[in-house]
Every structure is written in structure tokens, then in C-alpha cells.
Amino acid sequence: MWDRLKGRFDARRIALLIALAGVALYVGWRSGGFEQEPQAKPCEPGRQEIKDNAGKVIQVIRTTCGPDKD
């Protein structure tokens, strides 16, 4: 089995594969393909109540989402 594989992958073919992998890495690096920017959190409409230690509501925050909001 090893002899079959050894015959298929001679030095020229291995050099070509390494060169192609190097070119792919370079293109990916230069095009910014490896930079991962976190996705923006989608807008979630709702209501949040902030309470004090006694349990009284001291602030209400409402969130609305629309197509014109960024």
C-alpha cells in the first residue's frame, strides 16, 4: 500500500502541492479572508425594567426596531 502512494507522490508533485497551498494562503491573507468580524447583534424589540433593592421599578427601557434604524 505504501509503495503505491510513494509512487504517486514524487518530489515534483509534492513541490507543486506545497506551492499551490502557499499561493492559496497568501491570497486568503491579502484578501482579508482570515479576519473574522463579529456579527452585529440583531435588534430585539422589548421592554426592560430596572428595579431598586426594594423591588420598585425605577426605570423602564423600551427598545423598538425598524428598517430605518441601524
Protein backbone atom coordinates (compact mmCIF):
# COMPACT_ATOMS: atom_id res chain seq x y z
CA MET A 1 0.00 0.00 0.00
CA TRP A 2 2.74 2.44 0.96
CA ASP A 3 4.63 1.67 -2.24
CA ARG A 4 1.61 2.69 -4.32
CA LEU A 5 1.29 6.02 -2.53
CA LYS A 6 5.02 6.58 -2.64
CA GLY A 7 4.98 6.16 -6.44
CA ARG A 8 2.16 8.70 -6.85
CA PHE A 9 3.72 11.48 -4.80
CA ASP A 10 7.14 12.17 -6.24
CA ALA A 11 9.16 15.28 -5.34
CA ARG A 12 7.82 17.37 -8.21
CA ARG A 13 4.18 16.71 -7.31
CA ILE A 14 4.77 17.43 -3.62
CA ALA A 15 6.54 20.70 -4.51
CA LEU A 16 3.61 21.69 -6.71
CA LEU A 17 1.09 20.95 -3.93
CA ILE A 18 3.11 22.98 -1.42
CA ALA A 19 3.38 25.87 -3.88
CA LEU A 20 -0.38 25.85 -4.53
CA ALA A 21 -1.09 25.76 -0.79
CA GLY A 22 1.28 28.70 -0.31
CA VAL A 23 -0.46 30.71 -3.02
CA ALA A 24 -3.87 29.94 -1.51
CA LEU A 25 -2.67 31.07 1.93
CA TYR A 26 -1.18 34.26 0.51
CA VAL A 27 -4.34 35.15 -1.41
CA GLY A 28 -6.51 34.42 1.62
CA TRP A 29 -4.29 36.55 3.83
CA ARG A 30 -4.15 39.52 1.43
CA SER A 31 -7.88 39.47 0.69
CA GLY A 32 -8.76 39.50 4.39
CA GLY A 33 -10.35 36.08 4.27
CA PHE A 34 -8.95 35.10 7.67
CA GLU A 35 -10.22 38.15 9.57
CA GLN A 36 -13.37 37.37 11.45
CA GLU A 37 -15.51 40.35 12.40
CA PRO A 38 -18.23 39.54 14.90
CA GLN A 39 -21.74 39.70 13.56
CA ALA A 40 -23.81 42.65 14.71
CA LYS A 41 -26.35 41.61 17.29
CA PRO A 42 -29.83 41.79 15.77
CA CYS A 43 -32.23 44.28 17.23
CA GLU A 44 -34.57 42.66 19.72
CA PRO A 45 -37.68 44.69 20.49
CA GLY A 46 -38.88 44.60 24.04
CA ARG A 47 -39.09 46.23 27.43
CA GLN A 48 -36.62 46.13 30.28
CA GLU A 49 -37.46 47.19 33.80
CA ILE A 50 -34.70 48.25 36.18
CA LYS A 51 -35.62 47.81 39.84
CA ASP A 52 -34.01 49.04 43.05
CA ASN A 53 -33.24 46.86 46.07
CA ALA A 54 -36.77 47.25 47.40
CA GLY A 55 -38.24 45.91 44.17
CA LYS A 56 -39.67 49.20 42.91
CA VAL A 57 -39.39 49.93 39.23
CA ILE A 58 -37.12 52.95 38.87
CA GLN A 59 -36.51 52.91 35.13
CA VAL A 60 -38.19 51.39 32.08
CA ILE A 61 -36.21 50.99 28.86
CA ARG A 62 -38.16 50.29 25.67
CA THR A 63 -36.46 49.08 22.53
CA THR A 64 -38.14 49.31 19.16
CA CYS A 65 -36.69 48.10 15.90
CA GLY A 66 -37.41 49.35 12.44
CA PRO A 67 -35.92 49.26 8.97
CA ASP A 68 -34.61 52.84 9.26
CA LYS A 69 -32.62 52.13 12.48
CA ASP A 70 -29.01 50.96 12.22
